[in-house]
Structures are given as structure tokens and as C-alpha cells.
């Protein structure tokens, strides 16, 4: 794959990775979260709330603008889809409108990417903060994020741009429970492989404010780079730093350019998936929160 001369790689971009600790050879990484899905760092019972430590590591980021059509879900773990939504901006704050209109649009985007017979179920969407639905057999398909103007200062919730290289629901946990619930209501799905995808879009743009960066599946060492993290409420996957990881983003992402990327698959790690994180693009410029 050739890189356009206009798409100069951005070097030394910090992405937060899970540290490679010897303890993980005999102990699973874990985090205990509060009702807002933030890690509890102080506890009355003095219990250790996490055995994870994470450190920013410098990576090279490449703008895929101009050749993003070359990436595919089945090869890279993600794909860019052109789609004009009937919803605009603040419409995405209206849960009923999102469920009545956007759910169908999201399903159409997934159908466009998969392009083969399948059944599609919207597990959930998120507007601002993580709802309790995720603790009762729900998972994410689409997510609207917001950030405080003071970000990255102060506590970071899941509603903020997440700087940790990760895959939501990658380990058996939140997504698997949601899928099991769907299968129990539709027994004919019991023997069919299932996959959890995210449909990710900006609701105002063009956007350069902490854009989404995605790691190319082909650059991941499945044996050494992925660590399942057990969260008390939810399981997920976090990524260990490797120089060979190839990170891509879409500068000036518009409201009609959607990412469809894979989080987990019942067939295991050998099916492409996409670790992802937000990063501070153009850090020396003033950007309004989006």
C-alpha cells in the first residue's frame, strides 16, 4: 500500500498502552469500576482496584485521506463507509429519534460492509455517559462522545476521548452476554458465528478534535500484543505497545464518513478486529470540543 506524498506520517504521537508486566503470566489484568464506569482508585476496604498500569508510548500516525477506500473490514479490521444520515447534530441527543431513525441507518451501513446474507441486531447506542443498560445484557453499536473543554485535565470517563489502545467487549463479558441474550430469543442463531461491530461517526465536522485512530489488524502479533482485561461489570481487550503497529486516522473527518470496525467475534482472534484510541491531532492549535 503506497502512502500519498501529501500524507506525511506524524511521528511521536502518544498512545496509551498496557504495560508488559510479569504478573500477567499468572494473573489476569482486572479493573473494578464505579457506576460511571471509571476505575475506582480509592476504596474504603483498601482493596486493590486494578493490577493494570498503562503508559503513553510514541507511535507513528498516518492520515488515510485519499486512499481510505483501500482498507476493508475483512483485511484490516475496519472500513470507511460513506453515508448521509437523516439526523443532524443535536438530533443524536434524542434517544427515541436515534432508535427510530439511526438504528436502521446503522444496520444498513453494516449490511453494506458485510455484503452477504446475515441477521443484524442493534445492541445499544450511547449518547453521553455509559448507561446502566450495559450491566443488563446490552452492548454498544454506536456511541456519541463529548469532552469537557478542559480535557485531558481532570478525571477521564468513558464519555471522554479514550486514549488507551483497546477493543471494547473483546473478552467474554458484556458483548457475549448480550449476544447470548439475543440467541436465547432466536434459537436458530445458536450455531451461527456472531460478530460485534461498532459504527462510529462524528456528528459535526469536519473534525480534527481528538480524532479516532485505528490500528491495522495486520500489524498485530496476536500472541503477544493482546491482553484480555477483566472489568468488574464488563470485559475488554487492551493492547501492548509494539513498534510495528500501524495506526491510521482520517483527518477532517466529515459527518458522512463513518468507521465500521470489528470489536470481537465468536470465532476468535483470527478474525480481523481493530484496536482503537483517540489522539491529540494538531495539539498546538485551538480546536473547539466536538
C-alpha atoms as a PDB file:
ATOM      1  CA  UNK A   1       0.000   0.000   0.000  1.00  0.00           C
ATOM      2  CA  UNK A   2       1.538   3.311  -1.070  1.00  0.00           C
ATOM      3  CA  UNK A   3       1.250   6.420   1.065  1.00  0.00           C
ATOM      4  CA  UNK A   4       0.449   9.652  -0.746  1.00  0.00           C
ATOM      5  CA  UNK A   5       3.208  12.243  -0.640  1.00  0.00           C
ATOM      6  CA  UNK A   6       0.676  14.609   0.933  1.00  0.00           C
ATOM      7  CA  UNK A   7       0.032  12.205   3.811  1.00  0.00           C
ATOM      8  CA  UNK A   8       3.238  12.710   5.745  1.00  0.00           C
ATOM      9  CA  UNK A   9       3.408  10.314   8.726  1.00  0.00           C
ATOM     10  CA  UNK A  10       3.079  12.048  12.096  1.00  0.00           C
ATOM     11  CA  UNK A  11       5.770  10.668  14.366  1.00  0.00           C
ATOM     12  CA  UNK A  12       5.994  10.506  18.160  1.00  0.00           C
ATOM     13  CA  UNK A  13       2.235  10.557  18.767  1.00  0.00           C
ATOM     14  CA  UNK A  14       1.468   9.307  22.313  1.00  0.00           C
ATOM     15  CA  UNK A  15      -0.995   6.414  22.573  1.00  0.00           C
ATOM     16  CA  UNK A  16      -1.539   4.798  25.977  1.00  0.00           C
ATOM     17  CA  UNK A  17      -0.732   1.083  26.134  1.00  0.00           C
ATOM     18  CA  UNK A  18      -0.945  -1.570  28.822  1.00  0.00           C
ATOM     19  CA  UNK A  19       2.481  -2.126  30.390  1.00  0.00           C
ATOM     20  CA  UNK A  20       4.087  -5.529  29.866  1.00  0.00           C
ATOM     21  CA  UNK A  21       4.160  -6.792  33.452  1.00  0.00           C
ATOM     22  CA  UNK A  22       5.423 -10.193  34.552  1.00  0.00           C
ATOM     23  CA  UNK A  23       2.419 -10.545  36.872  1.00  0.00           C
ATOM     24  CA  UNK A  24       0.185 -11.162  33.843  1.00  0.00           C
ATOM     25  CA  UNK A  25       1.863 -14.515  33.273  1.00  0.00           C
ATOM     26  CA  UNK A  26      -0.137 -15.907  36.202  1.00  0.00           C
ATOM     27  CA  UNK A  27      -2.769 -13.228  36.934  1.00  0.00           C
ATOM     28  CA  UNK A  28      -5.386 -11.755  34.622  1.00  0.00           C
ATOM     29  CA  UNK A  29      -5.450  -7.947  34.317  1.00  0.00           C
ATOM     30  CA  UNK A  30      -8.510  -6.511  36.035  1.00  0.00           C
ATOM     31  CA  UNK A  31     -10.213  -3.222  36.865  1.00  0.00           C
ATOM     32  CA  UNK A  32     -13.053  -2.519  39.313  1.00  0.00           C
ATOM     33  CA  UNK A  33     -15.294   0.264  38.053  1.00  0.00           C
ATOM     34  CA  UNK A  34     -17.886   2.505  39.676  1.00  0.00           C
ATOM     35  CA  UNK A  35     -21.367   3.207  38.328  1.00  0.00           C
ATOM     36  CA  UNK A  36     -19.913   5.687  35.828  1.00  0.00           C
ATOM     37  CA  UNK A  37     -17.519   3.025  34.529  1.00  0.00           C
ATOM     38  CA  UNK A  38     -14.484   4.831  35.908  1.00  0.00           C
ATOM     39  CA  UNK A  39     -11.792   2.856  37.705  1.00  0.00           C
ATOM     40  CA  UNK A  40     -12.136   3.160  41.483  1.00  0.00           C
ATOM     41  CA  UNK A  41      -8.765   4.313  42.776  1.00  0.00           C
ATOM     42  CA  UNK A  42      -9.811   4.783  46.410  1.00  0.00           C
ATOM     43  CA  UNK A  43     -11.777   2.205  48.348  1.00  0.00           C
ATOM     44  CA  UNK A  44     -12.990   2.047  51.940  1.00  0.00           C
ATOM     45  CA  UNK A  45     -11.936  -1.578  52.202  1.00  0.00           C
ATOM     46  CA  UNK A  46      -8.420  -0.859  50.877  1.00  0.00           C
ATOM     47  CA  UNK A  47      -8.852  -3.500  48.191  1.00  0.00           C
ATOM     48  CA  UNK A  48      -6.599  -3.206  45.174  1.00  0.00           C
ATOM     49  CA  UNK A  49      -8.917  -1.891  42.462  1.00  0.00           C
ATOM     50  CA  UNK A  50      -6.680  -2.683  39.486  1.00  0.00           C
ATOM     51  CA  UNK A  51      -3.458  -4.509  38.761  1.00  0.00           C
ATOM     52  CA  UNK A  52      -3.027  -2.663  35.448  1.00  0.00           C
ATOM     53  CA  UNK A  53      -0.542   0.078  34.739  1.00  0.00           C
ATOM     54  CA  UNK A  54      -0.559   1.908  31.442  1.00  0.00           C
ATOM     55  CA  UNK A  55       1.998   4.229  29.889  1.00  0.00           C
ATOM     56  CA  UNK A  56       1.886   6.540  26.856  1.00  0.00           C
ATOM     57  CA  UNK A  57       4.071   5.201  24.057  1.00  0.00           C
ATOM     58  CA  UNK A  58       5.067   7.093  20.935  1.00  0.00           C
ATOM     59  CA  UNK A  59       3.671   5.723  17.680  1.00  0.00           C
ATOM     60  CA  UNK A  60       3.552   6.886  14.084  1.00  0.00           C
ATOM     61  CA  UNK A  61       0.138   8.055  12.880  1.00  0.00           C
ATOM     62  CA  UNK A  62      -0.805   8.096   9.190  1.00  0.00           C
ATOM     63  CA  UNK A  63      -3.661  10.045   7.633  1.00  0.00           C
ATOM     64  CA  UNK A  64      -5.540   7.715   5.274  1.00  0.00           C
ATOM     65  CA  UNK A  65      -7.233  10.612   3.484  1.00  0.00           C
ATOM     66  CA  UNK A  66      -7.103   9.984  -0.258  1.00  0.00           C
ATOM     67  CA  UNK A  67      -6.761   6.207  -0.092  1.00  0.00           C
ATOM     68  CA  UNK A  68      -9.115   5.161   2.727  1.00  0.00           C
ATOM     69  CA  UNK A  69     -11.097   3.077   0.220  1.00  0.00           C
ATOM     70  CA  UNK A  70      -8.232   0.557   0.274  1.00  0.00           C
ATOM     71  CA  UNK A  71      -8.963  -0.525   3.868  1.00  0.00           C
ATOM     72  CA  UNK A  72     -11.514  -3.272   4.496  1.00  0.00           C
ATOM     73  CA  UNK A  73     -13.158  -4.879   7.495  1.00  0.00           C
ATOM     74  CA  UNK A  74     -12.020  -8.359   6.475  1.00  0.00           C
ATOM     75  CA  UNK A  75      -8.381  -7.422   5.885  1.00  0.00           C
ATOM     76  CA  UNK A  76      -7.637  -4.532   8.258  1.00  0.00           C
ATOM     77  CA  UNK A  77     -10.420  -4.871  10.837  1.00  0.00           C
ATOM     78  CA  UNK A  78     -12.024  -1.563   9.836  1.00  0.00           C
ATOM     79  CA  UNK A  79     -13.543   0.197   6.870  1.00  0.00           C
ATOM     80  CA  UNK A  80     -14.673   3.723   5.959  1.00  0.00           C
ATOM     81  CA  UNK A  81     -18.244   3.953   4.675  1.00  0.00           C
ATOM     82  CA  UNK A  82     -19.902   6.933   3.001  1.00  0.00           C
ATOM     83  CA  UNK A  83     -23.338   7.562   4.495  1.00  0.00           C
ATOM     84  CA  UNK A  84     -25.604  10.589   4.746  1.00  0.00           C
ATOM     85  CA  UNK A  85     -27.764  10.368   7.868  1.00  0.00           C
ATOM     86  CA  UNK A  86     -31.222  11.855   8.112  1.00  0.00           C
ATOM     87  CA  UNK A  87     -30.190  13.081  11.577  1.00  0.00           C
ATOM     88  CA  UNK A  88     -28.170  16.245  12.120  1.00  0.00           C
ATOM     89  CA  UNK A  89     -26.042  17.371  15.056  1.00  0.00           C
ATOM     90  CA  UNK A  90     -28.196  17.629  18.153  1.00  0.00           C
ATOM     91  CA  UNK A  91     -30.669  15.096  16.748  1.00  0.00           C
ATOM     92  CA  UNK A  92     -28.321  12.455  18.142  1.00  0.00           C
ATOM     93  CA  UNK A  93     -29.199  13.618  21.678  1.00  0.00           C
ATOM     94  CA  UNK A  94     -32.762  12.359  21.179  1.00  0.00           C
ATOM     95  CA  UNK A  95     -32.770   8.662  22.135  1.00  0.00           C
ATOM     96  CA  UNK A  96     -36.146   7.967  20.550  1.00  0.00           C
ATOM     97  CA  UNK A  97     -35.096   9.622  17.295  1.00  0.00           C
ATOM     98  CA  UNK A  98     -31.843   7.665  17.276  1.00  0.00           C
ATOM     99  CA  UNK A  99     -33.684   4.399  17.857  1.00  0.00           C
ATOM    100  CA  UNK A 100     -36.413   5.125  15.300  1.00  0.00           C
ATOM    101  CA  UNK A 101     -34.185   6.500  12.536  1.00  0.00           C
ATOM    102  CA  UNK A 102     -30.491   5.931  13.122  1.00  0.00           C
ATOM    103  CA  UNK A 103     -30.683   2.280  14.155  1.00  0.00           C
ATOM    104  CA  UNK A 104     -31.989   1.428  10.685  1.00  0.00           C
ATOM    105  CA  UNK A 105     -29.239   3.527   9.123  1.00  0.00           C
ATOM    106  CA  UNK A 106     -26.548   1.803  11.192  1.00  0.00           C
ATOM    107  CA  UNK A 107     -27.880  -1.601  10.180  1.00  0.00           C
ATOM    108  CA  UNK A 108     -27.790  -0.509   6.534  1.00  0.00           C
ATOM    109  CA  UNK A 109     -24.137   0.516   6.906  1.00  0.00           C
ATOM    110  CA  UNK A 110     -23.239  -2.860   8.384  1.00  0.00           C
ATOM    111  CA  UNK A 111     -25.136  -4.663   5.621  1.00  0.00           C
ATOM    112  CA  UNK A 112     -23.251  -2.612   3.036  1.00  0.00           C
ATOM    113  CA  UNK A 113     -19.908  -3.662   4.521  1.00  0.00           C
ATOM    114  CA  UNK A 114     -20.694  -7.341   5.165  1.00  0.00           C
ATOM    115  CA  UNK A 115     -22.376  -7.819   1.761  1.00  0.00           C
ATOM    116  CA  UNK A 116     -23.617 -11.358   2.416  1.00  0.00           C
ATOM    117  CA  UNK A 117     -26.713 -12.955   3.995  1.00  0.00           C
ATOM    118  CA  UNK A 118     -26.882 -12.244   7.719  1.00  0.00           C
ATOM    119  CA  UNK A 119     -29.096 -11.067  10.547  1.00  0.00           C
ATOM    120  CA  UNK A 120     -28.280  -7.739  12.218  1.00  0.00           C
ATOM    121  CA  UNK A 121     -29.234  -6.672  15.741  1.00  0.00           C
ATOM    122  CA  UNK A 122     -28.531  -3.275  17.269  1.00  0.00           C
ATOM    123  CA  UNK A 123     -27.309  -3.950  20.794  1.00  0.00           C
ATOM    124  CA  UNK A 124     -27.257  -0.383  22.085  1.00  0.00           C
ATOM    125  CA  UNK A 125     -26.090   3.154  21.493  1.00  0.00           C
ATOM    126  CA  UNK A 126     -24.510   5.697  23.794  1.00  0.00           C
ATOM    127  CA  UNK A 127     -25.048   9.431  23.819  1.00  0.00           C
ATOM    128  CA  UNK A 128     -23.058  10.889  26.705  1.00  0.00           C
ATOM    129  CA  UNK A 129     -22.402   8.677  29.730  1.00  0.00           C
ATOM    130  CA  UNK A 130     -22.480   4.917  29.932  1.00  0.00           C
ATOM    131  CA  UNK A 131     -25.987   3.842  30.970  1.00  0.00           C
ATOM    132  CA  UNK A 132     -26.801   1.004  33.325  1.00  0.00           C
ATOM    133  CA  UNK A 133     -28.031  -0.901  30.261  1.00  0.00           C
ATOM    134  CA  UNK A 134     -24.521  -2.224  29.841  1.00  0.00           C
ATOM    135  CA  UNK A 135     -24.902  -4.126  33.108  1.00  0.00           C
ATOM    136  CA  UNK A 136     -28.120  -5.793  31.953  1.00  0.00           C
ATOM    137  CA  UNK A 137     -27.211  -7.586  28.770  1.00  0.00           C
ATOM    138  CA  UNK A 138     -26.584  -4.636  26.474  1.00  0.00           C
ATOM    139  CA  UNK A 139     -23.548  -3.569  24.458  1.00  0.00           C
ATOM    140  CA  UNK A 140     -22.567  -0.766  22.133  1.00  0.00           C
ATOM    141  CA  UNK A 141     -23.040  -0.434  18.414  1.00  0.00           C
ATOM    142  CA  UNK A 142     -22.859   3.345  18.108  1.00  0.00           C
ATOM    143  CA  UNK A 143     -21.577   5.902  20.572  1.00  0.00           C
ATOM    144  CA  UNK A 144     -21.717   9.664  20.761  1.00  0.00           C
ATOM    145  CA  UNK A 145     -18.895  11.081  22.825  1.00  0.00           C
ATOM    146  CA  UNK A 146     -18.417  14.522  24.317  1.00  0.00           C
ATOM    147  CA  UNK A 147     -15.469  16.053  26.053  1.00  0.00           C
ATOM    148  CA  UNK A 148     -15.080  18.803  28.594  1.00  0.00           C
ATOM    149  CA  UNK A 149     -13.253  21.881  27.255  1.00  0.00           C
ATOM    150  CA  UNK A 150     -10.575  21.244  29.916  1.00  0.00           C
ATOM    151  CA  UNK A 151      -9.860  17.717  28.667  1.00  0.00           C
ATOM    152  CA  UNK A 152      -7.398  15.995  29.076  1.00  0.00           C
ATOM    153  CA  UNK A 153      -7.091  17.594  32.525  1.00  0.00           C
ATOM    154  CA  UNK A 154      -9.160  16.057  35.314  1.00  0.00           C
ATOM    155  CA  UNK A 155     -10.755  12.609  35.604  1.00  0.00           C
ATOM    156  CA  UNK A 156     -11.428  10.846  32.335  1.00  0.00           C
ATOM    157  CA  UNK A 157     -14.709   8.958  31.917  1.00  0.00           C
ATOM    158  CA  UNK A 158     -15.650   6.682  29.066  1.00  0.00           C
ATOM    159  CA  UNK A 159     -17.615   9.606  27.611  1.00  0.00           C
ATOM    160  CA  UNK A 160     -14.321  11.379  27.037  1.00  0.00           C
ATOM    161  CA  UNK A 161     -11.994  10.518  24.146  1.00  0.00           C
ATOM    162  CA  UNK A 162     -10.308   7.354  25.378  1.00  0.00           C
ATOM    163  CA  UNK A 163      -6.535   7.428  24.830  1.00  0.00           C
ATOM    164  CA  UNK A 164      -5.974   3.766  25.726  1.00  0.00           C
ATOM    165  CA  UNK A 165      -5.433   1.327  22.857  1.00  0.00           C
ATOM    166  CA  UNK A 166      -8.325  -1.085  23.372  1.00  0.00           C
ATOM    167  CA  UNK A 167     -11.205  -3.131  21.972  1.00  0.00           C
ATOM    168  CA  UNK A 168     -14.493  -2.867  23.831  1.00  0.00           C
ATOM    169  CA  UNK A 169     -16.032  -6.136  24.962  1.00  0.00           C
ATOM    170  CA  UNK A 170     -13.277  -8.176  23.355  1.00  0.00           C
ATOM    171  CA  UNK A 171     -13.043 -10.781  26.115  1.00  0.00           C
ATOM    172  CA  UNK A 172     -16.074 -12.869  27.116  1.00  0.00           C
ATOM    173  CA  UNK A 173     -18.227 -10.470  29.087  1.00  0.00           C
ATOM    174  CA  UNK A 174     -20.512  -7.608  28.130  1.00  0.00           C
ATOM    175  CA  UNK A 175     -20.832  -8.359  24.429  1.00  0.00           C
ATOM    176  CA  UNK A 176     -21.040 -12.109  24.907  1.00  0.00           C
ATOM    177  CA  UNK A 177     -23.811 -11.730  27.472  1.00  0.00           C
ATOM    178  CA  UNK A 178     -25.737  -9.502  25.072  1.00  0.00           C
ATOM    179  CA  UNK A 179     -25.233 -11.918  22.196  1.00  0.00           C
ATOM    180  CA  UNK A 180     -26.282 -14.865  24.380  1.00  0.00           C
ATOM    181  CA  UNK A 181     -29.470 -12.991  25.236  1.00  0.00           C
ATOM    182  CA  UNK A 182     -30.263 -12.483  21.553  1.00  0.00           C
ATOM    183  CA  UNK A 183     -29.501 -16.118  20.731  1.00  0.00           C
ATOM    184  CA  UNK A 184     -31.733 -17.345  23.564  1.00  0.00           C
ATOM    185  CA  UNK A 185     -34.619 -15.446  21.968  1.00  0.00           C
ATOM    186  CA  UNK A 186     -33.685 -16.659  18.482  1.00  0.00           C
ATOM    187  CA  UNK A 187     -32.586 -20.328  18.797  1.00  0.00           C
ATOM    188  CA  UNK A 188     -31.891 -20.615  15.059  1.00  0.00           C
ATOM    189  CA  UNK A 189     -28.825 -18.403  15.648  1.00  0.00           C
ATOM    190  CA  UNK A 190     -27.267 -20.869  18.059  1.00  0.00           C
ATOM    191  CA  UNK A 191     -24.935 -22.477  15.503  1.00  0.00           C
ATOM    192  CA  UNK A 192     -24.162 -19.306  13.524  1.00  0.00           C
ATOM    193  CA  UNK A 193     -20.955 -17.264  14.104  1.00  0.00           C
ATOM    194  CA  UNK A 194     -21.569 -13.818  15.578  1.00  0.00           C
ATOM    195  CA  UNK A 195     -19.561 -10.631  15.417  1.00  0.00           C
ATOM    196  CA  UNK A 196     -19.828  -7.349  17.342  1.00  0.00           C
ATOM    197  CA  UNK A 197     -19.139  -4.249  15.253  1.00  0.00           C
ATOM    198  CA  UNK A 198     -19.020  -0.535  16.011  1.00  0.00           C
ATOM    199  CA  UNK A 199     -20.469   2.105  13.711  1.00  0.00           C
ATOM    200  CA  UNK A 200     -18.585   5.294  14.616  1.00  0.00           C
ATOM    201  CA  UNK A 201     -19.277   8.757  13.219  1.00  0.00           C
ATOM    202  CA  UNK A 202     -18.758  12.413  14.023  1.00  0.00           C
ATOM    203  CA  UNK A 203     -21.967  14.403  14.447  1.00  0.00           C
ATOM    204  CA  UNK A 204     -20.330  17.702  13.481  1.00  0.00           C
ATOM    205  CA  UNK A 205     -17.399  18.278  11.210  1.00  0.00           C
ATOM    206  CA  UNK A 206     -15.012  18.386   9.529  1.00  0.00           C
ATOM    207  CA  UNK A 207     -13.397  17.104  12.712  1.00  0.00           C
ATOM    208  CA  UNK A 208      -9.771  17.209  13.872  1.00  0.00           C
ATOM    209  CA  UNK A 209     -10.620  17.315  17.594  1.00  0.00           C
ATOM    210  CA  UNK A 210      -9.116  14.195  19.223  1.00  0.00           C
ATOM    211  CA  UNK A 211      -9.929  12.045  16.166  1.00  0.00           C
ATOM    212  CA  UNK A 212     -10.314   8.292  16.275  1.00  0.00           C
ATOM    213  CA  UNK A 213      -7.189   6.322  15.379  1.00  0.00           C
ATOM    214  CA  UNK A 214      -7.375   2.648  14.429  1.00  0.00           C
ATOM    215  CA  UNK A 215      -4.632   0.038  14.449  1.00  0.00           C
ATOM    216  CA  UNK A 216      -4.306  -2.132  11.344  1.00  0.00           C
ATOM    217  CA  UNK A 217      -5.074  -5.738  12.305  1.00  0.00           C
ATOM    218  CA  UNK A 218      -2.278  -6.992  10.053  1.00  0.00           C
ATOM    219  CA  UNK A 219       0.339  -5.279  12.232  1.00  0.00           C
ATOM    220  CA  UNK A 220      -0.761  -7.046  15.446  1.00  0.00           C
ATOM    221  CA  UNK A 221       1.016 -10.046  16.959  1.00  0.00           C
ATOM    222  CA  UNK A 222      -1.996 -11.977  18.275  1.00  0.00           C
ATOM    223  CA  UNK A 223       0.073 -13.995  20.739  1.00  0.00           C
ATOM    224  CA  UNK A 224       1.974 -11.137  22.356  1.00  0.00           C
ATOM    225  CA  UNK A 225       0.124  -7.863  21.766  1.00  0.00           C
ATOM    226  CA  UNK A 226      -3.407  -8.506  23.089  1.00  0.00           C
ATOM    227  CA  UNK A 227      -4.256  -8.944  26.770  1.00  0.00           C
ATOM    228  CA  UNK A 228      -7.785  -9.638  27.995  1.00  0.00           C
ATOM    229  CA  UNK A 229      -8.729  -7.365  30.877  1.00  0.00           C
ATOM    230  CA  UNK A 230     -11.428  -8.430  33.327  1.00  0.00           C
ATOM    231  CA  UNK A 231     -13.534  -5.474  34.417  1.00  0.00           C
ATOM    232  CA  UNK A 232     -15.995  -5.863  37.257  1.00  0.00           C
ATOM    233  CA  UNK A 233     -19.107  -5.059  35.147  1.00  0.00           C
ATOM    234  CA  UNK A 234     -17.531  -5.518  31.735  1.00  0.00           C
ATOM    235  CA  UNK A 235     -14.677  -7.291  29.990  1.00  0.00           C
ATOM    236  CA  UNK A 236     -12.495  -5.782  27.318  1.00  0.00           C
ATOM    237  CA  UNK A 237      -9.209  -6.078  25.492  1.00  0.00           C
ATOM    238  CA  UNK A 238      -6.219  -3.799  25.895  1.00  0.00           C
ATOM    239  CA  UNK A 239      -3.185  -3.624  23.685  1.00  0.00           C
ATOM    240  CA  UNK A 240       0.518  -3.803  24.446  1.00  0.00           C
ATOM    241  CA  UNK A 241       2.881  -1.463  22.657  1.00  0.00           C
ATOM    242  CA  UNK A 242       4.853  -2.686  19.675  1.00  0.00           C
ATOM    243  CA  UNK A 243       6.872  -0.589  17.234  1.00  0.00           C
ATOM    244  CA  UNK A 244       5.391  -2.489  14.302  1.00  0.00           C
ATOM    245  CA  UNK A 245       1.826  -1.350  14.995  1.00  0.00           C
ATOM    246  CA  UNK A 246       0.440   0.711  12.127  1.00  0.00           C
ATOM    247  CA  UNK A 247      -2.011   3.413  13.188  1.00  0.00           C
ATOM    248  CA  UNK A 248      -4.344   5.283  10.818  1.00  0.00           C
ATOM    249  CA  UNK A 249      -6.832   8.134  11.138  1.00  0.00           C
ATOM    250  CA  UNK A 250      -8.971  10.276   8.837  1.00  0.00           C
ATOM    251  CA  UNK A 251      -8.116  13.975   9.012  1.00  0.00           C
ATOM    252  CA  UNK A 252     -11.004  16.393   8.607  1.00  0.00           C
ATOM    253  CA  UNK A 253     -13.488  13.546   9.067  1.00  0.00           C
ATOM    254  CA  UNK A 254     -16.913  14.651   7.872  1.00  0.00           C
ATOM    255  CA  UNK A 255     -20.373  13.680   9.062  1.00  0.00           C
ATOM    256  CA  UNK A 256     -20.815  11.446   6.012  1.00  0.00           C
ATOM    257  CA  UNK A 257     -17.632   9.398   6.629  1.00  0.00           C
ATOM    258  CA  UNK A 258     -18.269   6.522   9.046  1.00  0.00           C
ATOM    259  CA  UNK A 259     -15.919   3.969  10.537  1.00  0.00           C
ATOM    260  CA  UNK A 260     -17.235   0.425  10.732  1.00  0.00           C
ATOM    261  CA  UNK A 261     -14.816  -1.654  12.782  1.00  0.00           C
ATOM    262  CA  UNK A 262     -14.788  -5.031  14.489  1.00  0.00           C
ATOM    263  CA  UNK A 263     -14.536  -5.493  18.246  1.00  0.00           C
ATOM    264  CA  UNK A 264     -14.997  -9.214  18.820  1.00  0.00           C
ATOM    265  CA  UNK A 265     -16.022 -12.377  17.036  1.00  0.00           C
ATOM    266  CA  UNK A 266     -17.201 -15.754  18.310  1.00  0.00           C
ATOM    267  CA  UNK A 267     -14.624 -17.382  16.020  1.00  0.00           C
ATOM    268  CA  UNK A 268     -11.761 -15.830  17.964  1.00  0.00           C
ATOM    269  CA  UNK A 269      -8.774 -13.586  17.364  1.00  0.00           C
ATOM    270  CA  UNK A 270      -8.085 -14.909  13.875  1.00  0.00           C
ATOM    271  CA  UNK A 271     -10.968 -12.837  12.522  1.00  0.00           C
ATOM    272  CA  UNK A 272      -9.732  -9.244  11.966  1.00  0.00           C
ATOM    273  CA  UNK A 273     -10.572  -6.714  14.686  1.00  0.00           C
ATOM    274  CA  UNK A 274      -9.478  -3.143  15.311  1.00  0.00           C
ATOM    275  CA  UNK A 275      -7.819  -1.785  18.476  1.00  0.00           C
ATOM    276  CA  UNK A 276      -8.504   1.934  18.602  1.00  0.00           C
ATOM    277  CA  UNK A 277      -7.891   5.101  20.623  1.00  0.00           C
ATOM    278  CA  UNK A 278      -8.237   8.869  20.405  1.00  0.00           C
ATOM    279  CA  UNK A 279      -5.186  11.059  19.944  1.00  0.00           C
ATOM    280  CA  UNK A 280      -4.414  14.768  20.110  1.00  0.00           C
ATOM    281  CA  UNK A 281      -4.114  15.811  16.480  1.00  0.00           C
ATOM    282  CA  UNK A 282      -2.706  19.319  15.880  1.00  0.00           C
ATOM    283  CA  UNK A 283      -2.022  19.835  19.617  1.00  0.00           C
ATOM    284  CA  UNK A 284      -0.686  23.384  19.156  1.00  0.00           C
ATOM    285  CA  UNK A 285      -3.891  24.730  17.624  1.00  0.00           C
ATOM    286  CA  UNK A 286      -7.146  25.842  19.212  1.00  0.00           C
ATOM    287  CA  UNK A 287      -9.917  23.364  18.473  1.00  0.00           C
ATOM    288  CA  UNK A 288     -13.486  23.618  19.736  1.00  0.00           C
ATOM    289  CA  UNK A 289     -14.737  20.491  21.550  1.00  0.00           C
ATOM    290  CA  UNK A 290     -16.713  18.228  19.202  1.00  0.00           C
END
